[in-house]
PDB file of N, CA and C in Angstrom:
ATOM      1  N   UNK A   1     144.539 117.228 106.733  1.00  0.00           N
ATOM      2  CA  UNK A   1     145.707 116.747 107.466  1.00  0.00           C
ATOM      3  C   UNK A   1     146.681 117.891 107.743  1.00  0.00           C
ATOM      4  N   UNK A   2     146.845 118.794 106.742  1.00  0.00           N
ATOM      5  CA  UNK A   2     147.754 119.920 106.922  1.00  0.00           C
ATOM      6  C   UNK A   2     147.277 120.821 108.057  1.00  0.00           C
ATOM      7  N   UNK A   3     145.965 121.005 108.162  1.00  0.00           N
ATOM      8  CA  UNK A   3     145.416 121.851 109.212  1.00  0.00           C
ATOM      9  C   UNK A   3     145.678 121.251 110.592  1.00  0.00           C
ATOM     10  N   UNK A   4     145.568 119.938 110.711  1.00  0.00           N
ATOM     11  CA  UNK A   4     145.803 119.264 111.987  1.00  0.00           C
ATOM     12  C   UNK A   4     147.265 119.419 112.398  1.00  0.00           C
ATOM     13  N   UNK A   5     148.183 119.245 111.464  1.00  0.00           N
ATOM     14  CA  UNK A   5     149.610 119.380 111.752  1.00  0.00           C
ATOM     15  C   UNK A   5     149.926 120.829 112.147  1.00  0.00           C
ATOM     16  N   UNK A   6     149.360 121.781 111.411  1.00  0.00           N
ATOM     17  CA  UNK A   6     149.583 123.189 111.724  1.00  0.00           C
ATOM     18  C   UNK A   6     149.042 123.541 113.104  1.00  0.00           C
ATOM     19  N   UNK A   7     147.854 123.064 113.440  1.00  0.00           N
ATOM     20  CA  UNK A   7     147.282 123.311 114.762  1.00  0.00           C
ATOM     21  C   UNK A   7     148.126 122.679 115.862  1.00  0.00           C
ATOM     22  N   UNK A   8     148.630 121.489 115.617  1.00  0.00           N
ATOM     23  CA  UNK A   8     149.486 120.810 116.593  1.00  0.00           C
ATOM     24  C   UNK A   8     150.779 121.587 116.829  1.00  0.00           C
ATOM     25  N   UNK A   9     151.368 122.112 115.779  1.00  0.00           N
ATOM     26  CA  UNK A   9     152.590 122.906 115.908  1.00  0.00           C
ATOM     27  C   UNK A   9     152.316 124.184 116.688  1.00  0.00           C
ATOM     28  N   UNK A  10     151.234 124.874 116.363  1.00  0.00           N
ATOM     29  CA  UNK A  10     150.877 126.104 117.063  1.00  0.00           C
ATOM     30  C   UNK A  10     150.587 125.843 118.536  1.00  0.00           C
ATOM     31  N   UNK A  11     149.874 124.764 118.832  1.00  0.00           N
ATOM     32  CA  UNK A  11     149.564 124.408 120.211  1.00  0.00           C
ATOM     33  C   UNK A  11     150.846 124.117 120.997  1.00  0.00           C
ATOM     34  N   UNK A  12     151.753 123.358 120.404  1.00  0.00           N
ATOM     35  CA  UNK A  12     153.009 123.007 121.065  1.00  0.00           C
ATOM     36  C   UNK A  12     153.845 124.256 121.331  1.00  0.00           C
ATOM     37  N   UNK A  13     153.917 125.158 120.356  1.00  0.00           N
ATOM     38  CA  UNK A  13     154.699 126.385 120.529  1.00  0.00           C
ATOM     39  C   UNK A  13     154.109 127.263 121.625  1.00  0.00           C
ATOM     40  N   UNK A  14     152.797 127.400 121.656  1.00  0.00           N
ATOM     41  CA  UNK A  14     152.185 128.240 122.686  1.00  0.00           C
ATOM     42  C   UNK A  14     152.304 127.599 124.065  1.00  0.00           C
ATOM     43  N   UNK A  15     152.238 126.300 124.155  1.00  0.00           N
ATOM     44  CA  UNK A  15     152.380 125.600 125.426  1.00  0.00           C
ATOM     45  C   UNK A  15     153.779 125.786 125.991  1.00  0.00           C
ATOM     46  N   UNK A  16     154.796 125.747 125.138  1.00  0.00           N
ATOM     47  CA  UNK A  16     156.169 125.950 125.601  1.00  0.00           C
ATOM     48  C   UNK A  16     156.341 127.342 126.175  1.00  0.00           C
ATOM     49  N   UNK A  17     155.740 128.347 125.549  1.00  0.00           N
ATOM     50  CA  UNK A  17     155.818 129.711 126.058  1.00  0.00           C
ATOM     51  C   UNK A  17     155.168 129.855 127.417  1.00  0.00           C
ATOM     52  N   UNK A  18     154.032 129.210 127.600  1.00  0.00           N
ATOM     53  CA  UNK A  18     153.326 129.279 128.884  1.00  0.00           C
ATOM     54  C   UNK A  18     154.120 128.579 129.971  1.00  0.00           C
ATOM     55  N   UNK A  19     154.644 127.407 129.695  1.00  0.00           N
ATOM     56  CA  UNK A  19     155.398 126.652 130.691  1.00  0.00           C
ATOM     57  C   UNK A  19     156.686 127.357 131.088  1.00  0.00           C
ATOM     58  N   UNK A  20     157.330 128.022 130.146  1.00  0.00           N
ATOM     59  CA  UNK A  20     158.593 128.692 130.435  1.00  0.00           C
ATOM     60  C   UNK A  20     158.400 129.885 131.358  1.00  0.00           C
ATOM     61  N   UNK A  21     157.201 130.481 131.425  1.00  0.00           N
ATOM     62  CA  UNK A  21     156.998 131.672 132.230  1.00  0.00           C
ATOM     63  C   UNK A  21     156.293 131.408 133.542  1.00  0.00           C
ATOM     64  N   UNK A  22     155.791 130.229 133.788  1.00  0.00           N
ATOM     65  CA  UNK A  22     155.048 129.960 135.016  1.00  0.00           C
ATOM     66  C   UNK A  22     155.857 130.258 136.264  1.00  0.00           C
ATOM     67  N   UNK A  23     157.103 129.826 136.321  1.00  0.00           N
ATOM     68  CA  UNK A  23     157.916 129.979 137.515  1.00  0.00           C
ATOM     69  C   UNK A  23     158.304 131.406 137.813  1.00  0.00           C
ATOM     70  N   UNK A  24     158.225 132.287 136.848  1.00  0.00           N
ATOM     71  CA  UNK A  24     158.654 133.657 137.046  1.00  0.00           C
ATOM     72  C   UNK A  24     157.831 134.419 138.056  1.00  0.00           C
ATOM     73  N   UNK A  25     156.584 134.047 138.256  1.00  0.00           N
ATOM     74  CA  UNK A  25     155.722 134.768 139.183  1.00  0.00           C
ATOM     75  C   UNK A  25     156.247 134.692 140.620  1.00  0.00           C
ATOM     76  N   UNK A  26     157.013 133.692 140.944  1.00  0.00           N
ATOM     77  CA  UNK A  26     157.560 133.555 142.290  1.00  0.00           C
ATOM     78  C   UNK A  26     158.583 134.649 142.598  1.00  0.00           C
ATOM     79  N   UNK A  27     159.130 135.294 141.561  1.00  0.00           N
ATOM     80  CA  UNK A  27     160.132 136.333 141.760  1.00  0.00           C
ATOM     81  C   UNK A  27     159.521 137.727 141.874  1.00  0.00           C
ATOM     82  N   UNK A  28     158.251 137.888 141.532  1.00  0.00           N
ATOM     83  CA  UNK A  28     157.625 139.201 141.575  1.00  0.00           C
ATOM     84  C   UNK A  28     157.647 139.772 142.985  1.00  0.00           C
ATOM     85  N   UNK A  29     157.940 141.055 143.099  1.00  0.00           N
ATOM     86  CA  UNK A  29     157.899 141.706 144.404  1.00  0.00           C
ATOM     87  C   UNK A  29     159.132 142.530 144.702  1.00  0.00           C
ATOM     88  N   UNK A  30     159.192 143.018 145.929  1.00  0.00           N
ATOM     89  CA  UNK A  30     160.281 143.849 146.415  1.00  0.00           C
ATOM     90  C   UNK A  30     161.214 142.974 147.256  1.00  0.00           C
ATOM     91  N   UNK A  31     162.495 142.980 146.920  1.00  0.00           N
ATOM     92  CA  UNK A  31     163.486 142.137 147.598  1.00  0.00           C
ATOM     93  C   UNK A  31     164.576 143.009 148.203  1.00  0.00           C
ATOM     94  N   UNK A  32     165.143 142.552 149.312  1.00  0.00           N
ATOM     95  CA  UNK A  32     166.242 143.264 149.959  1.00  0.00           C
ATOM     96  C   UNK A  32     167.390 142.300 150.218  1.00  0.00           C
ATOM     97  N   UNK A  33     168.595 142.783 149.942  1.00  0.00           N
ATOM     98  CA  UNK A  33     169.818 142.041 150.219  1.00  0.00           C
ATOM     99  C   UNK A  33     170.536 142.797 151.329  1.00  0.00           C
ATOM    100  N   UNK A  34     170.501 142.261 152.547  1.00  0.00           N
ATOM    101  CA  UNK A  34     171.082 142.953 153.695  1.00  0.00           C
ATOM    102  C   UNK A  34     172.597 142.833 153.744  1.00  0.00           C
ATOM    103  N   UNK A  35     173.173 141.885 153.010  1.00  0.00           N
ATOM    104  CA  UNK A  35     174.621 141.696 153.039  1.00  0.00           C
ATOM    105  C   UNK A  35     175.361 142.810 152.308  1.00  0.00           C
ATOM    106  N   UNK A  36     174.801 143.277 151.184  1.00  0.00           N
ATOM    107  CA  UNK A  36     175.468 144.377 150.471  1.00  0.00           C
ATOM    108  C   UNK A  36     174.563 145.600 150.335  1.00  0.00           C
ATOM    109  N   UNK A  37     173.487 145.648 151.127  1.00  0.00           N
ATOM    110  CA  UNK A  37     172.607 146.812 151.226  1.00  0.00           C
ATOM    111  C   UNK A  37     172.030 147.224 149.872  1.00  0.00           C
ATOM    112  N   UNK A  38     171.411 146.254 149.190  1.00  0.00           N
ATOM    113  CA  UNK A  38     170.836 146.482 147.872  1.00  0.00           C
ATOM    114  C   UNK A  38     169.364 146.122 147.882  1.00  0.00           C
ATOM    115  N   UNK A  39     168.575 146.906 147.151  1.00  0.00           N
ATOM    116  CA  UNK A  39     167.160 146.607 146.982  1.00  0.00           C
ATOM    117  C   UNK A  39     166.884 146.238 145.531  1.00  0.00           C
ATOM    118  N   UNK A  40     165.790 145.507 145.306  1.00  0.00           N
ATOM    119  CA  UNK A  40     165.427 145.099 143.950  1.00  0.00           C
ATOM    120  C   UNK A  40     163.911 144.932 143.884  1.00  0.00           C
ATOM    121  N   UNK A  41     163.343 145.316 142.758  1.00  0.00           N
ATOM    122  CA  UNK A  41     161.939 145.060 142.480  1.00  0.00           C
ATOM    123  C   UNK A  41     161.871 144.292 141.165  1.00  0.00           C
ATOM    124  N   UNK A  42     161.113 143.192 141.176  1.00  0.00           N
ATOM    125  CA  UNK A  42     160.852 142.410 139.960  1.00  0.00           C
ATOM    126  C   UNK A  42     159.372 142.590 139.660  1.00  0.00           C
ATOM    127  N   UNK A  43     159.063 142.981 138.426  1.00  0.00           N
ATOM    128  CA  UNK A  43     157.682 143.271 138.040  1.00  0.00           C
ATOM    129  C   UNK A  43     157.455 142.879 136.588  1.00  0.00           C
ATOM    130  N   UNK A  44     156.198 142.967 136.152  1.00  0.00           N
ATOM    131  CA  UNK A  44     155.861 142.731 134.740  1.00  0.00           C
ATOM    132  C   UNK A  44     155.470 144.063 134.134  1.00  0.00           C
ATOM    133  N   UNK A  45     155.997 144.353 132.942  1.00  0.00           N
ATOM    134  CA  UNK A  45     155.710 145.619 132.293  1.00  0.00           C
ATOM    135  C   UNK A  45     154.392 145.567 131.513  1.00  0.00           C
ATOM    136  N   UNK A  46     154.084 146.631 130.804  1.00  0.00           N
ATOM    137  CA  UNK A  46     152.823 146.741 130.061  1.00  0.00           C
ATOM    138  C   UNK A  46     152.714 145.698 128.954  1.00  0.00           C
ATOM    139  N   UNK A  47     153.836 145.128 128.539  1.00  0.00           N
ATOM    140  CA  UNK A  47     153.848 144.100 127.490  1.00  0.00           C
ATOM    141  C   UNK A  47     153.906 142.692 128.068  1.00  0.00           C
ATOM    142  N   UNK A  48     153.678 142.559 129.380  1.00  0.00           N
ATOM    143  CA  UNK A  48     153.647 141.282 130.085  1.00  0.00           C
ATOM    144  C   UNK A  48     155.010 140.587 130.124  1.00  0.00           C
ATOM    145  N   UNK A  49     156.079 141.403 130.122  1.00  0.00           N
ATOM    146  CA  UNK A  49     157.439 140.868 130.218  1.00  0.00           C
ATOM    147  C   UNK A  49     157.992 141.144 131.611  1.00  0.00           C
ATOM    148  N   UNK A  50     158.778 140.210 132.122  1.00  0.00           N
ATOM    149  CA  UNK A  50     159.411 140.414 133.421  1.00  0.00           C
ATOM    150  C   UNK A  50     160.506 141.468 133.294  1.00  0.00           C
ATOM    151  N   UNK A  51     160.594 142.343 134.307  1.00  0.00           N
ATOM    152  CA  UNK A  51     161.615 143.384 134.383  1.00  0.00           C
ATOM    153  C   UNK A  51     162.153 143.410 135.810  1.00  0.00           C
ATOM    154  N   UNK A  52     163.360 143.928 135.966  1.00  0.00           N
ATOM    155  CA  UNK A  52     163.942 144.072 137.308  1.00  0.00           C
ATOM    156  C   UNK A  52     164.698 145.383 137.374  1.00  0.00           C
ATOM    157  N   UNK A  53     164.699 145.972 138.554  1.00  0.00           N
ATOM    158  CA  UNK A  53     165.490 147.169 138.809  1.00  0.00           C
ATOM    159  C   UNK A  53     166.154 146.981 140.166  1.00  0.00           C
ATOM    160  N   UNK A  54     167.427 147.369 140.249  1.00  0.00           N
ATOM    161  CA  UNK A  54     168.172 147.280 141.507  1.00  0.00           C
ATOM    162  C   UNK A  54     168.707 148.658 141.869  1.00  0.00           C
ATOM    163  N   UNK A  55     168.943 148.884 143.177  1.00  0.00           N
ATOM    164  CA  UNK A  55     169.513 150.138 143.627  1.00  0.00           C
ATOM    165  C   UNK A  55     170.262 149.921 144.927  1.00  0.00           C
ATOM    166  N   UNK A  56     171.197 150.810 145.194  1.00  0.00           N
ATOM    167  CA  UNK A  56     171.962 150.813 146.440  1.00  0.00           C
ATOM    168  C   UNK A  56     171.106 151.498 147.498  1.00  0.00           C
ATOM    169  N   UNK A  57     170.877 150.831 148.616  1.00  0.00           N
ATOM    170  CA  UNK A  57     170.018 151.382 149.664  1.00  0.00           C
ATOM    171  C   UNK A  57     170.667 152.543 150.411  1.00  0.00           C
ATOM    172  N   UNK A  58     171.994 152.685 150.346  1.00  0.00           N
ATOM    173  CA  UNK A  58     172.672 153.773 151.052  1.00  0.00           C
ATOM    174  C   UNK A  58     172.630 155.082 150.278  1.00  0.00           C
ATOM    175  N   UNK A  59     173.015 155.049 149.008  1.00  0.00           N
ATOM    176  CA  UNK A  59     173.090 156.300 148.249  1.00  0.00           C
ATOM    177  C   UNK A  59     172.074 156.395 147.117  1.00  0.00           C
ATOM    178  N   UNK A  60     171.278 155.337 146.903  1.00  0.00           N
ATOM    179  CA  UNK A  60     170.230 155.380 145.888  1.00  0.00           C
ATOM    180  C   UNK A  60     170.713 155.153 144.464  1.00  0.00           C
ATOM    181  N   UNK A  61     172.000 154.823 144.282  1.00  0.00           N
ATOM    182  CA  UNK A  61     172.510 154.599 142.930  1.00  0.00           C
ATOM    183  C   UNK A  61     171.750 153.462 142.256  1.00  0.00           C
ATOM    184  N   UNK A  62     171.334 153.683 141.017  1.00  0.00           N
ATOM    185  CA  UNK A  62     170.619 152.672 140.247  1.00  0.00           C
ATOM    186  C   UNK A  62     171.639 151.727 139.612  1.00  0.00           C
ATOM    187  N   UNK A  63     171.408 150.440 139.765  1.00  0.00           N
ATOM    188  CA  UNK A  63     172.237 149.401 139.157  1.00  0.00           C
ATOM    189  C   UNK A  63     171.486 148.927 137.923  1.00  0.00           C
ATOM    190  N   UNK A  64     172.089 149.084 136.759  1.00  0.00           N
ATOM    191  CA  UNK A  64     171.414 148.796 135.489  1.00  0.00           C
ATOM    192  C   UNK A  64     171.350 147.294 135.231  1.00  0.00           C
ATOM    193  N   UNK A  65     170.123 146.794 135.007  1.00  0.00           N
ATOM    194  CA  UNK A  65     169.872 145.370 134.790  1.00  0.00           C
ATOM    195  C   UNK A  65     169.621 145.138 133.302  1.00  0.00           C
ATOM    196  N   UNK A  66     170.224 144.083 132.747  1.00  0.00           N
ATOM    197  CA  UNK A  66     169.993 143.725 131.341  1.00  0.00           C
ATOM    198  C   UNK A  66     169.979 142.209 131.182  1.00  0.00           C
ATOM    199  N   UNK A  67     169.431 141.762 130.070  1.00  0.00           N
ATOM    200  CA  UNK A  67     169.394 140.331 129.702  1.00  0.00           C
ATOM    201  C   UNK A  67     168.699 139.476 130.757  1.00  0.00           C
ATOM    202  N   UNK A  68     167.570 139.955 131.277  1.00  0.00           N
ATOM    203  CA  UNK A  68     166.798 139.215 132.274  1.00  0.00           C
ATOM    204  C   UNK A  68     166.191 137.967 131.651  1.00  0.00           C
ATOM    205  N   UNK A  69     166.377 136.837 132.315  1.00  0.00           N
ATOM    206  CA  UNK A  69     165.831 135.564 131.854  1.00  0.00           C
ATOM    207  C   UNK A  69     165.319 134.798 133.068  1.00  0.00           C
ATOM    208  N   UNK A  70     164.074 134.328 132.974  1.00  0.00           N
ATOM    209  CA  UNK A  70     163.495 133.518 134.048  1.00  0.00           C
ATOM    210  C   UNK A  70     163.026 132.201 133.451  1.00  0.00           C
ATOM    211  N   UNK A  71     163.538 131.103 134.000  1.00  0.00           N
ATOM    212  CA  UNK A  71     163.116 129.760 133.604  1.00  0.00           C
ATOM    213  C   UNK A  71     162.870 128.968 134.882  1.00  0.00           C
ATOM    214  N   UNK A  72     161.626 128.545 135.051  1.00  0.00           N
ATOM    215  CA  UNK A  72     161.200 127.811 136.247  1.00  0.00           C
ATOM    216  C   UNK A  72     161.536 128.606 137.505  1.00  0.00           C
ATOM    217  N   UNK A  73     162.354 128.067 138.393  1.00  0.00           N
ATOM    218  CA  UNK A  73     162.662 128.766 139.642  1.00  0.00           C
ATOM    219  C   UNK A  73     164.048 129.417 139.619  1.00  0.00           C
ATOM    220  N   UNK A  74     164.540 129.751 138.414  1.00  0.00           N
ATOM    221  CA  UNK A  74     165.843 130.395 138.275  1.00  0.00           C
ATOM    222  C   UNK A  74     165.692 131.680 137.456  1.00  0.00           C
ATOM    223  N   UNK A  75     166.215 132.775 137.999  1.00  0.00           N
ATOM    224  CA  UNK A  75     166.234 134.055 137.310  1.00  0.00           C
ATOM    225  C   UNK A  75     167.695 134.463 137.160  1.00  0.00           C
ATOM    226  N   UNK A  76     168.055 134.977 135.992  1.00  0.00           N
ATOM    227  CA  UNK A  76     169.425 135.448 135.801  1.00  0.00           C
ATOM    228  C   UNK A  76     169.419 136.749 135.013  1.00  0.00           C
ATOM    229  N   UNK A  77     170.437 137.572 135.251  1.00  0.00           N
ATOM    230  CA  UNK A  77     170.613 138.797 134.484  1.00  0.00           C
ATOM    231  C   UNK A  77     172.007 139.356 134.708  1.00  0.00           C
ATOM    232  N   UNK A  78     172.382 140.321 133.863  1.00  0.00           N
ATOM    233  CA  UNK A  78     173.629 141.056 134.022  1.00  0.00           C
ATOM    234  C   UNK A  78     173.298 142.374 134.700  1.00  0.00           C
ATOM    235  N   UNK A  79     174.186 142.844 135.566  1.00  0.00           N
ATOM    236  CA  UNK A  79     173.983 144.144 136.202  1.00  0.00           C
ATOM    237  C   UNK A  79     175.266 144.962 136.104  1.00  0.00           C
ATOM    238  N   UNK A  80     175.063 146.266 135.904  1.00  0.00           N
ATOM    239  CA  UNK A  80     176.178 147.195 135.750  1.00  0.00           C
ATOM    240  C   UNK A  80     176.044 148.300 136.785  1.00  0.00           C
ATOM    241  N   UNK A  81     177.109 148.517 137.566  1.00  0.00           N
ATOM    242  CA  UNK A  81     177.138 149.578 138.572  1.00  0.00           C
ATOM    243  C   UNK A  81     178.010 150.713 138.027  1.00  0.00           C
ATOM    244  N   UNK A  82     177.393 151.855 137.669  1.00  0.00           N
ATOM    245  CA  UNK A  82     178.160 152.952 137.057  1.00  0.00           C
ATOM    246  C   UNK A  82     179.310 153.482 137.910  1.00  0.00           C
ATOM    247  N   UNK A  83     179.120 153.611 139.230  1.00  0.00           N
ATOM    248  CA  UNK A  83     180.169 154.208 140.072  1.00  0.00           C
ATOM    249  C   UNK A  83     181.439 153.365 140.131  1.00  0.00           C
ATOM    250  N   UNK A  84     181.302 152.056 139.989  1.00  0.00           N
ATOM    251  CA  UNK A  84     182.484 151.179 140.044  1.00  0.00           C
ATOM    252  C   UNK A  84     182.870 150.637 138.667  1.00  0.00           C
ATOM    253  N   UNK A  85     182.025 150.903 137.667  1.00  0.00           N
ATOM    254  CA  UNK A  85     182.227 150.395 136.308  1.00  0.00           C
ATOM    255  C   UNK A  85     182.335 148.863 136.307  1.00  0.00           C
ATOM    256  N   UNK A  86     181.565 148.217 137.177  1.00  0.00           N
ATOM    257  CA  UNK A  86     181.608 146.769 137.356  1.00  0.00           C
ATOM    258  C   UNK A  86     180.360 146.120 136.763  1.00  0.00           C
ATOM    259  N   UNK A  87     180.561 145.108 135.925  1.00  0.00           N
ATOM    260  CA  UNK A  87     179.462 144.323 135.371  1.00  0.00           C
ATOM    261  C   UNK A  87     179.574 142.908 135.911  1.00  0.00           C
ATOM    262  N   UNK A  88     178.474 142.389 136.426  1.00  0.00           N
ATOM    263  CA  UNK A  88     178.456 141.025 136.946  1.00  0.00           C
ATOM    264  C   UNK A  88     177.250 140.282 136.392  1.00  0.00           C
ATOM    265  N   UNK A  89     177.332 138.978 136.403  1.00  0.00           N
ATOM    266  CA  UNK A  89     176.213 138.122 136.029  1.00  0.00           C
ATOM    267  C   UNK A  89     175.694 137.483 137.310  1.00  0.00           C
ATOM    268  N   UNK A  90     174.389 137.605 137.536  1.00  0.00           N
ATOM    269  CA  UNK A  90     173.777 137.048 138.742  1.00  0.00           C
ATOM    270  C   UNK A  90     172.766 135.978 138.377  1.00  0.00           C
ATOM    271  N   UNK A  91     172.746 134.927 139.176  1.00  0.00           N
ATOM    272  CA  UNK A  91     171.788 133.834 139.011  1.00  0.00           C
ATOM    273  C   UNK A  91     171.064 133.669 140.344  1.00  0.00           C
ATOM    274  N   UNK A  92     169.734 133.831 140.312  1.00  0.00           N
ATOM    275  CA  UNK A  92     168.912 133.752 141.517  1.00  0.00           C
ATOM    276  C   UNK A  92     168.139 132.441 141.520  1.00  0.00           C
ATOM    277  N   UNK A  93     168.120 131.770 142.651  1.00  0.00           N
ATOM    278  CA  UNK A  93     167.370 130.526 142.798  1.00  0.00           C
ATOM    279  C   UNK A  93     166.463 130.660 144.003  1.00  0.00           C
ATOM    280  N   UNK A  94     165.175 130.379 143.802  1.00  0.00           N
ATOM    281  CA  UNK A  94     164.219 130.443 144.908  1.00  0.00           C
ATOM    282  C   UNK A  94     164.566 129.381 145.937  1.00  0.00           C
ATOM    283  N   UNK A  95     164.545 129.782 147.223  1.00  0.00           N
ATOM    284  CA  UNK A  95     164.835 128.864 148.321  1.00  0.00           C
ATOM    285  C   UNK A  95     163.578 128.532 149.110  1.00  0.00           C
ATOM    286  N   UNK A  96     162.635 129.424 149.126  1.00  0.00           N
ATOM    287  CA  UNK A  96     161.382 129.258 149.855  1.00  0.00           C
ATOM    288  C   UNK A  96     160.400 130.296 149.351  1.00  0.00           C
ATOM    289  N   UNK A  97     159.317 130.501 150.067  1.00  0.00           N
ATOM    290  CA  UNK A  97     158.326 131.470 149.621  1.00  0.00           C
ATOM    291  C   UNK A  97     158.871 132.892 149.607  1.00  0.00           C
ATOM    292  N   UNK A  98     159.647 133.264 150.607  1.00  0.00           N
ATOM    293  CA  UNK A  98     160.085 134.646 150.753  1.00  0.00           C
ATOM    294  C   UNK A  98     161.594 134.823 150.789  1.00  0.00           C
ATOM    295  N   UNK A  99     162.339 133.868 150.235  1.00  0.00           N
ATOM    296  CA  UNK A  99     163.777 134.047 150.155  1.00  0.00           C
ATOM    297  C   UNK A  99     164.335 133.386 148.903  1.00  0.00           C
ATOM    298  N   UNK A 100     165.473 133.895 148.468  1.00  0.00           N
ATOM    299  CA  UNK A 100     166.164 133.337 147.308  1.00  0.00           C
ATOM    300  C   UNK A 100     167.655 133.547 147.496  1.00  0.00           C
ATOM    301  N   UNK A 101     168.424 132.764 146.761  1.00  0.00           N
ATOM    302  CA  UNK A 101     169.873 132.823 146.834  1.00  0.00           C
ATOM    303  C   UNK A 101     170.398 133.379 145.522  1.00  0.00           C
ATOM    304  N   UNK A 102     171.356 134.290 145.601  1.00  0.00           N
ATOM    305  CA  UNK A 102     171.988 134.869 144.413  1.00  0.00           C
ATOM    306  C   UNK A 102     173.429 134.405 144.340  1.00  0.00           C
ATOM    307  N   UNK A 103     173.850 133.951 143.179  1.00  0.00           N
ATOM    308  CA  UNK A 103     175.251 133.638 142.930  1.00  0.00           C
ATOM    309  C   UNK A 103     175.751 134.668 141.931  1.00  0.00           C
ATOM    310  N   UNK A 104     176.763 135.449 142.342  1.00  0.00           N
ATOM    311  CA  UNK A 104     177.315 136.507 141.507  1.00  0.00           C
ATOM    312  C   UNK A 104     178.604 136.007 140.882  1.00  0.00           C
ATOM    313  N   UNK A 105     178.709 136.225 139.575  1.00  0.00           N
ATOM    314  CA  UNK A 105     179.893 135.823 138.831  1.00  0.00           C
ATOM    315  C   UNK A 105     180.208 136.952 137.860  1.00  0.00           C
ATOM    316  N   UNK A 106     181.450 137.157 137.521  1.00  0.00           N
ATOM    317  CA  UNK A 106     181.770 138.210 136.562  1.00  0.00           C
ATOM    318  C   UNK A 106     183.173 138.712 136.781  1.00  0.00           C
ATOM    319  N   UNK A 107     183.322 140.051 136.855  1.00  0.00           N
ATOM    320  CA  UNK A 107     184.636 140.670 137.006  1.00  0.00           C
ATOM    321  C   UNK A 107     185.078 140.645 138.469  1.00  0.00           C
ATOM    322  N   UNK A 108     184.959 139.496 139.091  1.00  0.00           N
ATOM    323  CA  UNK A 108     185.344 139.323 140.485  1.00  0.00           C
ATOM    324  C   UNK A 108     186.185 138.052 140.579  1.00  0.00           C
ATOM    325  N   UNK A 109     187.054 137.938 141.594  1.00  0.00           N
ATOM    326  CA  UNK A 109     187.950 136.788 141.674  1.00  0.00           C
ATOM    327  C   UNK A 109     187.252 135.440 141.845  1.00  0.00           C
ATOM    328  N   UNK A 110     186.137 135.414 142.593  1.00  0.00           N
ATOM    329  CA  UNK A 110     185.420 134.153 142.784  1.00  0.00           C
ATOM    330  C   UNK A 110     183.934 134.434 142.952  1.00  0.00           C
ATOM    331  N   UNK A 111     183.123 133.430 142.728  1.00  0.00           N
ATOM    332  CA  UNK A 111     181.680 133.584 142.847  1.00  0.00           C
ATOM    333  C   UNK A 111     181.290 133.903 144.290  1.00  0.00           C
ATOM    334  N   UNK A 112     180.284 134.766 144.438  1.00  0.00           N
ATOM    335  CA  UNK A 112     179.786 135.168 145.753  1.00  0.00           C
ATOM    336  C   UNK A 112     178.343 134.701 145.878  1.00  0.00           C
ATOM    337  N   UNK A 113     177.974 134.154 147.022  1.00  0.00           N
ATOM    338  CA  UNK A 113     176.619 133.710 147.279  1.00  0.00           C
ATOM    339  C   UNK A 113     175.984 134.652 148.298  1.00  0.00           C
ATOM    340  N   UNK A 114     174.811 135.208 147.949  1.00  0.00           N
ATOM    341  CA  UNK A 114     174.134 136.185 148.798  1.00  0.00           C
ATOM    342  C   UNK A 114     172.673 135.780 148.945  1.00  0.00           C
ATOM    343  N   UNK A 115     172.105 136.021 150.114  1.00  0.00           N
ATOM    344  CA  UNK A 115     170.692 135.721 150.371  1.00  0.00           C
ATOM    345  C   UNK A 115     169.848 136.988 150.223  1.00  0.00           C
ATOM    346  N   UNK A 116     168.664 136.831 149.605  1.00  0.00           N
ATOM    347  CA  UNK A 116     167.704 137.916 149.449  1.00  0.00           C
ATOM    348  C   UNK A 116     166.428 137.539 150.206  1.00  0.00           C
ATOM    349  N   UNK A 117     165.776 138.547 150.774  1.00  0.00           N
ATOM    350  CA  UNK A 117     164.535 138.366 151.511  1.00  0.00           C
ATOM    351  C   UNK A 117     163.443 139.206 150.835  1.00  0.00           C
ATOM    352  N   UNK A 118     162.253 138.608 150.621  1.00  0.00           N
ATOM    353  CA  UNK A 118     161.134 139.356 150.055  1.00  0.00           C
ATOM    354  C   UNK A 118     160.556 140.257 151.146  1.00  0.00           C
ATOM    355  N   UNK A 119     160.374 141.525 150.803  1.00  0.00           N
ATOM    356  CA  UNK A 119     159.789 142.485 151.725  1.00  0.00           C
ATOM    357  C   UNK A 119     158.286 142.484 151.561  1.00  0.00           C
ATOM    358  N   UNK A 120     157.568 142.465 152.657  1.00  0.00           N
ATOM    359  CA  UNK A 120     156.118 142.492 152.594  1.00  0.00           C
ATOM    360  C   UNK A 120     155.643 143.909 152.874  1.00  0.00           C
ATOM    361  N   UNK A 121     154.594 144.355 152.176  1.00  0.00           N
ATOM    362  CA  UNK A 121     154.128 145.734 152.357  1.00  0.00           C
ATOM    363  C   UNK A 121     153.510 145.965 153.722  1.00  0.00           C
TER     364      UNK A 121
END
């Protein structure tokens, strides 16, 4: 009986991990934000974890991304821009196959909504 309970617990825990990451694959790829001239790539690293990197398309400044979290069709993270010393929290929601909406909140007077487009190679 103990073995059955232990197997059930292990199965439930592993199933939750799989379900929590399924939606993240929709964010993989190269994205462009034409409103503020920013690029972003979302990828999986060697440890099978989602990662993101952002940069300014005009001067190439890297925007540091931290605390990346993807649940279903929502991705969120904090970003820090060294030149302005500004940290914001962004929440991305998939809108279709090749677009998503970003809501920026943080050291700004009000939330900003921006559209991102997936770039195809």
